[in-house]
Protein backbone atom coordinates (compact mmCIF):
# COMPACT_ATOMS: atom_id res chain seq x y z
CA MET A 1 11.50 3.37 -5.15
CA THR A 2 14.88 2.14 -3.18
CA THR A 3 16.33 2.68 -0.17
CA ALA A 4 20.04 1.27 0.49
CA ILE A 5 22.37 -1.01 -1.15
CA LEU A 6 25.37 -2.38 -0.47
CA VAL A 7 27.88 -3.97 -2.72
CA GLY A 8 24.38 -5.19 -3.64
CA ASN A 9 21.69 -3.68 -1.95
CA ILE A 10 19.91 -3.11 1.05
CA GLY A 11 23.32 -4.27 1.95
CA PHE A 12 24.60 -5.03 5.44
CA GLY A 13 27.95 -5.94 6.76
CA GLY A 14 31.14 -6.03 4.32
CA VAL A 15 33.28 -3.99 2.45
CA LEU A 16 31.73 -2.36 -0.82
CA ARG A 17 33.50 -3.18 -3.92
CA GLN A 18 35.84 -0.39 -4.77
CA ARG A 19 34.87 0.29 -8.70
CA GLN A 20 34.72 3.53 -10.76
CA GLN A 21 30.91 4.79 -10.89
CA HIS A 22 29.13 7.46 -10.64
CA PRO A 23 29.57 8.99 -7.21
CA LEU A 24 26.09 8.85 -5.89
CA ARG A 25 26.14 5.11 -6.50
CA ARG A 26 28.49 4.69 -3.91
CA LEU A 27 27.68 4.09 -0.80
CA GLY A 28 29.08 3.98 2.89
CA PHE A 29 28.83 0.72 4.73
CA ARG A 30 30.31 -0.81 7.84
CA THR A 31 29.71 -4.11 9.47
CA THR A 32 26.34 -3.66 11.51
CA ALA A 33 23.67 -6.06 10.37
CA ALA A 34 20.50 -4.82 8.87
CA GLU A 35 21.35 -1.34 7.83
CA PHE A 36 20.89 0.95 4.90
CA PHE A 37 23.31 3.59 3.91
CA PHE A 38 23.35 6.84 1.88
CA PRO A 39 26.31 8.44 0.34
CA ALA A 40 28.99 9.94 2.80
CA PRO A 41 28.99 13.94 3.18
CA GLY A 42 32.11 14.80 0.92
CA ARG A 43 31.17 12.38 -1.28
CA ILE A 44 29.90 14.40 -3.66
CA ALA A 45 32.18 17.81 -3.98
CA PRO A 46 30.56 21.31 -2.81
CA GLY A 47 29.14 22.78 -6.14
CA LYS A 48 29.54 19.59 -7.91
CA GLN A 49 27.23 19.40 -10.88
CA LEU A 50 25.23 16.81 -12.31
CA PRO A 51 24.76 15.69 -15.54
CA GLY A 52 21.38 16.18 -17.75
CA THR A 53 20.11 18.57 -15.34
CA GLY A 54 18.98 22.00 -15.35
CA ARG A 55 15.88 24.61 -14.68
CA LEU A 56 12.41 23.35 -15.94
CA THR A 57 10.06 26.17 -17.36
CA LEU A 58 6.41 24.77 -17.14
CA ARG A 59 3.85 26.63 -19.05
CA VAL A 60 -0.13 26.33 -18.13
CA SER A 61 -2.52 27.51 -20.43
CA SER A 62 -6.38 27.58 -19.47
CA VAL A 63 -7.13 24.62 -22.38
CA ALA A 64 -4.84 22.10 -23.15
CA SER A 65 -1.63 23.11 -21.03
CA VAL A 66 2.18 22.22 -22.65
CA VAL A 67 4.44 21.53 -20.79
CA GLU A 68 7.75 22.90 -22.14
CA THR A 69 11.46 21.71 -21.36
CA LYS A 70 14.45 24.23 -22.16
CA PRO A 71 18.06 23.73 -21.52
CA ARG A 72 18.09 23.98 -17.87
CA ASP A 73 21.55 25.45 -15.47
CA PRO A 74 23.06 22.72 -13.52
CA VAL A 75 21.67 21.37 -10.40
CA THR A 76 23.80 21.06 -7.72
CA VAL A 77 23.72 18.09 -4.76
CA ASP A 78 23.45 18.87 -1.38
CA GLU A 79 26.19 17.75 0.75
CA GLY A 80 24.22 17.59 4.14
CA LEU A 81 22.33 14.61 3.48
CA PRO A 82 22.73 11.72 6.35
CA ALA A 83 25.68 10.01 5.86
CA LYS A 84 24.08 6.25 7.42
CA GLU A 85 21.18 5.20 8.68
CA ASN A 86 18.84 2.20 8.91
CA ILE A 87 15.69 2.75 7.30
CA LEU A 88 13.57 -0.67 7.07
CA ALA A 89 11.11 -1.30 9.24
CA CYS A 90 8.42 -3.39 10.92
CA PRO A 91 5.12 -2.37 9.55
CA VAL A 92 3.26 -3.23 12.20
CA CYS A 93 5.09 -1.75 15.16
CA TYR A 94 7.58 0.92 13.20
CA GLN A 95 10.56 -0.54 14.83
CA ARG A 96 14.02 -1.05 12.76
CA LEU A 97 14.09 -4.21 11.44
CA THR A 98 17.66 -6.45 11.71
CA LEU A 99 19.04 -8.65 8.54
CA ILE A 100 19.18 -11.64 8.96
CA GLY A 101 21.14 -13.72 5.67
CA PRO A 102 22.59 -11.96 2.70
CA PRO A 103 21.85 -8.15 2.21
CA ILE A 104 18.89 -7.80 -0.08
CA SER A 105 18.14 -5.79 -3.45
CA VAL A 106 17.33 -6.72 -6.96
CA ILE A 107 20.68 -8.60 -7.13
CA THR A 108 20.61 -10.91 -3.82
CA THR A 109 16.86 -10.45 -2.47
CA LYS A 110 15.77 -14.65 -2.35
CA GLY A 111 16.79 -15.69 0.65
CA SER A 112 17.26 -12.72 2.57
CA SER A 113 15.17 -11.99 6.08
CA LEU A 114 14.71 -9.37 8.40
CA GLN A 115 13.84 -9.75 11.83
CA CYS A 116 11.45 -7.29 14.02
CA ASP A 117 13.17 -8.04 17.53
CA THR A 118 9.61 -5.99 19.18
CA CYS A 119 7.34 -8.31 17.54
CA GLN A 120 9.31 -11.16 16.98
CA LYS A 121 8.04 -11.22 13.38
CA THR A 122 10.32 -12.52 10.37
CA TYR A 123 9.84 -10.80 6.64
CA LEU A 124 11.37 -12.86 3.68
CA GLY A 125 12.87 -12.05 0.49
CA ASN A 126 11.60 -14.44 -2.49
CA ASP A 127 12.76 -14.45 -6.16
CA THR A 128 11.76 -10.96 -6.80
CA HIS A 129 10.85 -8.79 -3.59
CA VAL A 130 10.81 -8.61 0.19
CA GLU A 131 7.40 -9.02 1.43
CA LEU A 132 7.31 -5.77 4.09
CA ILE A 133 3.37 -5.75 5.00
CA ALA A 134 1.59 -6.52 8.19
CA ALA A 135 -0.15 -9.97 7.06
CA SER A 136 2.82 -11.27 5.83
CA GLY A 137 3.04 -14.64 7.44
CA LEU A 138 -0.76 -15.26 7.92
CA LYS A 139 -1.96 -19.10 7.76
CA GLU A 140 -6.05 -18.76 8.71
CA TYR A 141 -6.97 -15.52 8.25
CA THR A 142 -7.79 -13.33 5.05
CA GLU A 143 -8.16 -10.23 4.25
CA SER A 144 -10.94 -8.36 1.62
CA THR A 145 -9.24 -5.84 -0.37
CA SER A 146 -11.59 -3.36 -2.80
CA MET A 147 -11.94 -4.12 -6.64
CA THR A 148 -9.09 -1.80 -7.77
CA THR A 149 -6.69 -3.10 -5.64
CA GLU A 150 -7.66 -6.68 -6.81
CA PHE A 151 -7.68 -5.37 -10.36
CA PHE A 152 -3.78 -5.09 -10.24
CA LYS A 153 -3.25 -8.29 -8.92
CA PHE A 154 -4.30 -10.08 -11.84
CA PRO A 155 -1.41 -10.96 -13.89
CA LEU A 156 -3.17 -10.24 -17.35
CA ILE A 157 -3.15 -6.56 -16.13
CA SER A 158 -0.05 -6.70 -14.70
CA TYR A 159 1.25 -7.70 -18.18
CA VAL A 160 -0.09 -5.34 -20.44
CA TYR A 161 0.54 -1.95 -17.88
CA GLU A 162 3.49 -0.95 -19.42
CA ARG A 163 2.45 -2.82 -22.75
CA GLY A 164 0.10 -0.29 -23.96
CA TRP A 165 -1.98 0.49 -21.03
CA ARG A 166 0.05 3.27 -19.57
CA GLN A 167 1.11 4.67 -22.77
CA GLY A 168 -3.03 5.69 -23.27
CA PHE A 169 -2.50 8.04 -20.53
CA SER A 170 -0.82 10.51 -22.73
CA ALA A 171 -4.20 10.43 -25.39
CA VAL A 172 -7.15 10.39 -22.87
CA ILE A 173 -5.94 12.12 -19.83
CA GLY A 174 -3.09 14.30 -21.18
CA PHE A 175 0.33 12.55 -19.07
CA PRO A 176 3.43 13.70 -20.54
CA GLY A 177 5.14 10.39 -20.84
CA PRO A 178 7.47 8.76 -18.12
CA GLU A 179 10.59 10.72 -19.40
CA GLN A 180 8.79 14.20 -19.48
CA GLU A 181 6.97 13.51 -16.38
CA PHE A 182 10.42 13.00 -14.88
CA GLU A 183 11.85 16.00 -16.04
CA MET A 184 8.75 18.18 -14.87
CA MET A 185 10.26 16.70 -11.45
CA LYS A 186 13.82 18.11 -11.39
CA GLU A 187 13.33 20.82 -10.31
CA TYR A 188 11.51 20.11 -6.98
CA LEU A 189 13.35 16.97 -6.68
CA GLN A 190 16.80 19.39 -6.70
CA PRO A 191 16.93 19.80 -2.77
CA VAL A 192 17.33 15.87 -2.08
CA LEU A 193 19.38 14.72 -5.04
CA GLY A 194 22.02 12.12 -4.06
CA GLY A 195 19.48 10.52 -1.00
CA ASN A 196 16.89 7.66 -1.25
CA ILE A 197 13.75 7.92 -3.29
CA ILE A 198 10.46 5.73 -3.15
CA ASP A 199 8.71 4.74 -6.22
CA ALA A 200 5.36 4.11 -4.41
CA SER A 201 2.68 2.11 -6.39
CA CYS A 202 5.28 1.46 -8.91
CA GLY A 203 3.55 -0.43 -11.06
CA SER A 204 6.07 -2.65 -13.64
CA GLY A 205 8.87 -0.10 -12.52
CA GLN A 206 8.87 2.36 -15.23
CA PHE A 207 9.94 5.51 -12.72
CA THR A 208 11.95 3.00 -11.11
CA ARG A 209 13.96 2.23 -13.80
CA ILE A 210 14.55 6.19 -15.01
CA PHE A 211 15.50 7.12 -11.42
CA ALA A 212 18.13 4.48 -10.91
CA LYS A 213 19.61 5.02 -14.98
CA SER A 214 19.42 8.85 -13.57
CA GLY A 215 22.48 8.54 -11.28
CA LEU A 216 20.70 11.35 -9.40
CA PHE A 217 19.82 8.95 -6.06
CA SER A 218 21.65 6.63 -3.84
CA GLN A 219 18.96 4.44 -3.93
CA VAL A 220 15.54 3.58 -5.48
CA ILE A 221 13.27 1.28 -3.76
CA ALA A 222 10.40 -0.03 -6.03
CA LEU A 223 7.25 -0.78 -4.14
CA ASP A 224 3.74 -1.69 -4.91
CA TYR A 225 1.00 -3.83 -2.84
CA SER A 226 0.25 -6.18 -6.08
CA GLU A 227 2.76 -9.22 -6.26
CA ASN A 228 2.36 -9.34 -10.09
CA MET A 229 3.04 -5.86 -10.78
CA LEU A 230 6.73 -6.10 -8.58
CA LYS A 231 7.43 -9.38 -10.91
CA GLU A 232 7.16 -7.27 -13.90
CA CYS A 233 9.39 -4.75 -11.99
CA TYR A 234 11.72 -7.03 -11.37
CA GLU A 235 11.75 -8.54 -14.96
CA PHE A 236 11.87 -5.40 -16.39
CA ILE A 237 14.99 -4.02 -14.28
CA GLN A 238 16.56 -7.15 -15.42
CA LYS A 239 16.60 -6.94 -19.28
CA GLU A 240 17.50 -3.10 -18.95
CA GLU A 241 20.59 -2.03 -19.75
CA GLY A 242 22.87 0.52 -17.64
CA CYS A 243 20.40 0.08 -14.60
CA PRO A 244 21.93 -0.44 -11.56
CA LYS A 245 20.81 -3.09 -10.10
CA GLU A 246 22.70 -3.10 -7.11
CA ASN A 247 21.35 0.39 -6.23
CA VAL A 248 17.60 -0.60 -6.81
CA SER A 249 15.25 -2.94 -3.97
CA ILE A 250 11.61 -4.02 -4.45
CA VAL A 251 9.45 -4.18 -1.55
CA GLN A 252 5.58 -5.57 -1.37
CA ALA A 253 4.16 -2.86 1.13
CA ASP A 254 0.75 -1.16 1.91
CA ILE A 255 0.66 2.40 1.24
CA SER A 256 -0.88 2.58 4.45
CA ARG A 257 1.62 1.01 6.13
CA LEU A 258 4.91 1.95 5.39
CA PRO A 259 7.82 -0.60 6.14
CA PHE A 260 10.04 2.68 7.06
CA ALA A 261 11.66 4.21 9.86
CA THR A 262 9.79 8.11 10.49
CA GLY A 263 11.92 10.28 9.00
CA SER A 264 14.22 8.06 7.05
CA ILE A 265 13.21 8.80 3.39
CA ASP A 266 14.32 11.93 1.04
CA ALA A 267 11.63 11.44 -1.67
CA VAL A 268 8.46 9.90 -2.66
CA HIS A 269 7.18 9.49 -5.81
CA ALA A 270 3.62 8.47 -6.60
CA GLY A 271 2.94 8.36 -10.23
CA ALA A 272 -0.64 7.74 -11.60
CA ALA A 273 -1.19 6.58 -8.16
CA ILE A 274 -3.06 7.98 -5.61
CA HIS A 275 -6.17 7.60 -6.73
CA CYS A 276 -5.88 3.82 -6.78
CA TRP A 277 -5.23 4.33 -3.05
CA PRO A 278 -7.91 2.58 -0.61
CA SER A 279 -7.45 5.87 1.37
CA PRO A 280 -5.51 8.80 0.06
CA SER A 281 -5.27 10.79 2.96
CA ALA A 282 -3.83 7.73 5.16
CA GLY A 283 -1.38 6.96 2.14
CA VAL A 284 -0.33 10.71 1.97
CA ALA A 285 -0.41 10.80 6.00
CA GLU A 286 1.88 7.65 5.85
CA VAL A 287 4.46 9.55 2.94
CA SER A 288 4.77 12.76 5.45
CA ARG A 289 5.51 10.53 8.18
CA VAL A 290 8.44 8.65 6.43
CA LEU A 291 9.46 11.91 4.72
CA ARG A 292 12.32 13.59 6.48
CA PRO A 293 12.24 17.55 6.86
CA GLY A 294 12.80 18.87 3.82
CA GLY A 295 11.86 15.79 1.87
CA VAL A 296 9.76 15.65 -1.01
CA PHE A 297 6.40 14.30 -2.43
CA ILE A 298 5.58 13.72 -5.92
CA ALA A 299 2.29 12.82 -7.32
CA THR A 300 0.60 12.74 -10.80
CA THR A 301 -3.10 11.74 -11.01
CA GLY A 302 -5.70 12.16 -13.58
CA LEU A 303 -8.74 14.35 -13.05
CA ALA A 304 -12.42 14.03 -13.51
CA LEU A 305 -12.49 17.32 -15.39
CA ALA A 306 -10.52 19.36 -17.93
CA ASP A 307 -10.09 22.90 -17.28
CA GLY A 308 -13.27 25.02 -17.31
CA GLY A 309 -15.46 21.80 -16.19
CA ASN A 310 -16.60 23.41 -12.83
CA LEU A 311 -19.87 23.71 -14.14
CA LEU A 312 -20.23 20.01 -14.03
CA LEU A 313 -19.08 19.60 -10.26
CA PRO A 314 -22.33 19.12 -8.68
CA LEU A 315 -22.91 16.23 -11.04
CA VAL A 316 -19.58 14.49 -10.80
CA LYS A 317 -19.08 14.65 -7.37
CA PRO A 318 -22.13 12.50 -5.77
CA PHE A 319 -21.42 10.18 -8.94
CA ARG A 320 -17.66 9.82 -7.69
CA ALA A 321 -19.17 8.95 -4.29
CA SER A 322 -20.78 5.81 -5.83
CA MET A 323 -17.93 4.86 -7.56
CA TYR A 324 -15.77 4.83 -4.46
CA GLN A 325 -18.26 2.51 -2.76
CA ILE A 326 -18.30 -0.04 -5.90
CA THR A 327 -14.50 -0.13 -6.81
CA GLY A 328 -12.55 1.65 -3.60
CA SER A 329 -11.02 4.24 -6.35
CA HIS A 330 -11.04 7.78 -5.48
CA ILE A 331 -11.78 10.24 -8.60
CA PHE A 332 -10.38 13.97 -8.08
CA VAL A 333 -12.34 16.88 -9.29
CA SER A 334 -9.61 19.58 -8.78
CA ASP A 335 -5.94 20.39 -8.23
CA GLY A 336 -7.38 22.12 -5.08
CA GLU A 337 -8.32 18.47 -4.17
CA LEU A 338 -4.61 17.53 -4.06
CA GLU A 339 -3.48 20.59 -2.24
CA ASP A 340 -5.59 20.29 0.40
CA LEU A 341 -4.99 16.67 1.16
CA CYS A 342 -1.20 17.46 0.96
CA ARG A 343 -1.27 20.27 3.35
CA SER A 344 -4.12 18.41 5.94
CA CYS A 345 -1.07 15.53 6.18
CA GLY A 346 1.67 18.07 7.14
CA LEU A 347 2.97 19.10 3.94
CA ILE A 348 3.94 22.41 2.18
CA VAL A 349 2.37 22.37 -1.37
CA VAL A 350 5.11 23.91 -3.31
CA LYS A 351 3.57 23.24 -7.16
CA CYS A 352 0.48 22.27 -8.84
CA VAL A 353 1.09 22.08 -12.50
CA ARG A 354 -1.90 21.20 -15.00
CA ASN A 355 -2.30 19.74 -18.37
CA ARG A 356 -5.82 18.95 -19.38
CA ARG A 357 -6.91 16.74 -16.79
CA PHE A 358 -3.53 15.62 -15.85
CA VAL A 359 -2.16 17.10 -12.48
CA MET A 360 0.91 16.66 -10.92
CA VAL A 361 1.77 18.20 -7.45
CA ALA A 362 4.91 18.70 -5.78
CA ALA A 363 5.29 19.09 -1.83
CA ARG A 364 7.89 19.07 0.42
CA LYS A 365 8.02 18.51 4.67
CA PRO A 366 8.62 21.14 6.79
CA THR A 367 12.17 21.63 7.88
């Protein structure tokens, strides 16, 4: 998930290095402190095509749906995206933050800090990420979290997530796999290509790296609540060849209290995540708040039942209530529930795709 990057990232103040790179990776820049920027209008010529994009054809059957990709028509980038904007905000009051210290990015996170002039609170960057949660800096107060939230904090779980765990989603649930899922998203992300994208609940950062390497976004923000997941994300980014680290930022944040200004984000992706959120409705409401008009939300998850399992709904619904009380995880039983959730939070559902128990919903913020 990213947001802005200067010469290195969440850049601020300075002159952007002039070097040969994809136009989407050049960010506007001025010497005002604490600002994230997007490519200035005109950086990408009207109608200019981006490589590796085109129309995606989806075919969904009543049993095990098959997602097929065919050569697609070129996608054009909307040149009307904002040129410059400060998007990081205090998770307590949502006022925009002021940078103190060096620019923030995967390259230069350590030693950076962000100041809220309203709350007089400072948020610090460590070796791997910037901590932007309301509980930052607490000394005595502690807060309990759900079993699911605590589960993903364990170093072992963070380590195995991309080393076998996530791959199992394909066999058990029907997830097409990260690369194929990205191909599925492109059609719906087309209106915001060239802007920023948050990889919410990024885990070890599989999609963060895919988004960054695609060259289709000016900034990618990896966001998760688990520090150990973010450490794994950082390590994978460091080892990934061809990943533009200057365009990636890693942020620790609560999905129900996103540290971004209202209407400042072009796209939010939540892959295999929404069922783990303590409150899916609170999370999607926050996504809706931070999206700019026309912004896109893409979410994938696994349903409790495959196609044709509606007869079991009366049995599953009471069971999921008990599971939520015990684990804090929400079990979705139909794609209609996801669509209803998005609409209730002010989003317009564009498409819902099924493949066995896998479901992807694409929605947008009204213009």
